[in-house]
Amino acid sequence: MGEIEKNEFNLNISRYVSTSLDDNIIDLNVVNKKLVDLDRDITKAREAHNKFLKELGLSPI
């Protein structure tokens, strides 16, 4: 009751209950590792693809 009185008897819910959502915490080390791994996989795939292109007499990408 003291808090309600302090808020001049305003019963607006937002004065007493937070409706905001917690921010998602992003672990940049995890994100960086995923990006490095993806880049490595892309490089391997490109090398394999270029090998096939070379066998076909085509220009590599």
C-alpha atoms as a PDB file:
ATOM      1  CA  MET A   1       0.000   0.000   0.000  1.00  0.00           C
ATOM      2  CA  GLY A   2       2.917   2.323   0.728  1.00  0.00           C
ATOM      3  CA  GLU A   3       4.212   2.003  -2.820  1.00  0.00           C
ATOM      4  CA  ILE A   4       0.747   2.629  -4.233  1.00  0.00           C
ATOM      5  CA  GLU A   5       0.394   5.708  -2.063  1.00  0.00           C
ATOM      6  CA  LYS A   6       3.864   6.890  -3.116  1.00  0.00           C
ATOM      7  CA  ASN A   7       2.686   6.629  -6.749  1.00  0.00           C
ATOM      8  CA  GLU A   8      -0.332   8.820  -5.925  1.00  0.00           C
ATOM      9  CA  PHE A   9      -2.680   5.803  -6.040  1.00  0.00           C
ATOM     10  CA  ASN A  10      -1.933   5.282  -9.726  1.00  0.00           C
ATOM     11  CA  LEU A  11      -2.710   1.600 -10.412  1.00  0.00           C
ATOM     12  CA  ASN A  12      -1.178   1.575 -13.894  1.00  0.00           C
ATOM     13  CA  ILE A  13       0.354  -1.910 -14.176  1.00  0.00           C
ATOM     14  CA  SER A  14       3.510  -0.622 -15.882  1.00  0.00           C
ATOM     15  CA  ARG A  15       4.401   1.233 -12.676  1.00  0.00           C
ATOM     16  CA  TYR A  16       4.653  -2.044 -10.777  1.00  0.00           C
ATOM     17  CA  VAL A  17       5.463  -4.725 -13.352  1.00  0.00           C
ATOM     18  CA  SER A  18       8.204  -4.494 -15.944  1.00  0.00           C
ATOM     19  CA  THR A  19       7.015  -5.506 -19.409  1.00  0.00           C
ATOM     20  CA  SER A  20      10.419  -5.288 -21.057  1.00  0.00           C
ATOM     21  CA  LEU A  21      12.159  -8.416 -22.251  1.00  0.00           C
ATOM     22  CA  ASP A  22      15.711  -9.234 -21.268  1.00  0.00           C
ATOM     23  CA  ASP A  23      18.298  -8.566 -23.953  1.00  0.00           C
ATOM     24  CA  ASN A  24      19.821 -11.613 -25.573  1.00  0.00           C
ATOM     25  CA  ILE A  25      23.463 -11.893 -24.626  1.00  0.00           C
ATOM     26  CA  ILE A  26      25.600 -12.731 -27.625  1.00  0.00           C
ATOM     27  CA  ASP A  27      28.896 -14.503 -27.022  1.00  0.00           C
ATOM     28  CA  LEU A  28      31.126 -12.905 -29.630  1.00  0.00           C
ATOM     29  CA  ASN A  29      33.766 -15.609 -29.227  1.00  0.00           C
ATOM     30  CA  VAL A  30      31.214 -18.276 -30.209  1.00  0.00           C
ATOM     31  CA  VAL A  31      29.978 -16.215 -33.161  1.00  0.00           C
ATOM     32  CA  ASN A  32      33.546 -15.581 -34.311  1.00  0.00           C
ATOM     33  CA  LYS A  33      34.404 -19.292 -34.114  1.00  0.00           C
ATOM     34  CA  LYS A  34      31.334 -20.162 -36.195  1.00  0.00           C
ATOM     35  CA  LEU A  35      32.304 -17.589 -38.822  1.00  0.00           C
ATOM     36  CA  VAL A  36      35.892 -18.860 -38.957  1.00  0.00           C
ATOM     37  CA  ASP A  37      34.634 -22.442 -39.315  1.00  0.00           C
ATOM     38  CA  LEU A  38      32.209 -21.414 -42.075  1.00  0.00           C
ATOM     39  CA  ASP A  39      34.957 -19.555 -43.912  1.00  0.00           C
ATOM     40  CA  ARG A  40      37.203 -22.643 -43.710  1.00  0.00           C
ATOM     41  CA  ASP A  41      34.381 -24.848 -45.049  1.00  0.00           C
ATOM     42  CA  ILE A  42      33.699 -22.411 -47.888  1.00  0.00           C
ATOM     43  CA  THR A  43      37.377 -22.413 -48.851  1.00  0.00           C
ATOM     44  CA  LYS A  44      37.465 -26.225 -48.900  1.00  0.00           C
ATOM     45  CA  ALA A  45      34.293 -26.384 -51.002  1.00  0.00           C
ATOM     46  CA  ARG A  46      35.612 -23.757 -53.443  1.00  0.00           C
ATOM     47  CA  GLU A  47      38.889 -25.664 -53.851  1.00  0.00           C
ATOM     48  CA  ALA A  48      37.011 -28.905 -54.568  1.00  0.00           C
ATOM     49  CA  HIS A  49      34.684 -27.119 -56.994  1.00  0.00           C
ATOM     50  CA  ASN A  50      37.605 -25.503 -58.806  1.00  0.00           C
ATOM     51  CA  LYS A  51      39.273 -28.907 -59.122  1.00  0.00           C
ATOM     52  CA  PHE A  52      36.193 -30.222 -60.948  1.00  0.00           C
ATOM     53  CA  LEU A  53      36.041 -27.119 -63.129  1.00  0.00           C
ATOM     54  CA  LYS A  54      39.707 -27.574 -64.059  1.00  0.00           C
ATOM     55  CA  GLU A  55      39.051 -31.214 -65.031  1.00  0.00           C
ATOM     56  CA  LEU A  56      36.251 -29.988 -67.288  1.00  0.00           C
ATOM     57  CA  GLY A  57      38.509 -27.342 -68.849  1.00  0.00           C
ATOM     58  CA  LEU A  58      36.551 -24.485 -67.302  1.00  0.00           C
ATOM     59  CA  SER A  59      37.770 -21.389 -65.503  1.00  0.00           C
ATOM     60  CA  PRO A  60      37.836 -21.562 -61.716  1.00  0.00           C
ATOM     61  CA  ILE A  61      35.707 -19.308 -59.566  1.00  0.00           C
END
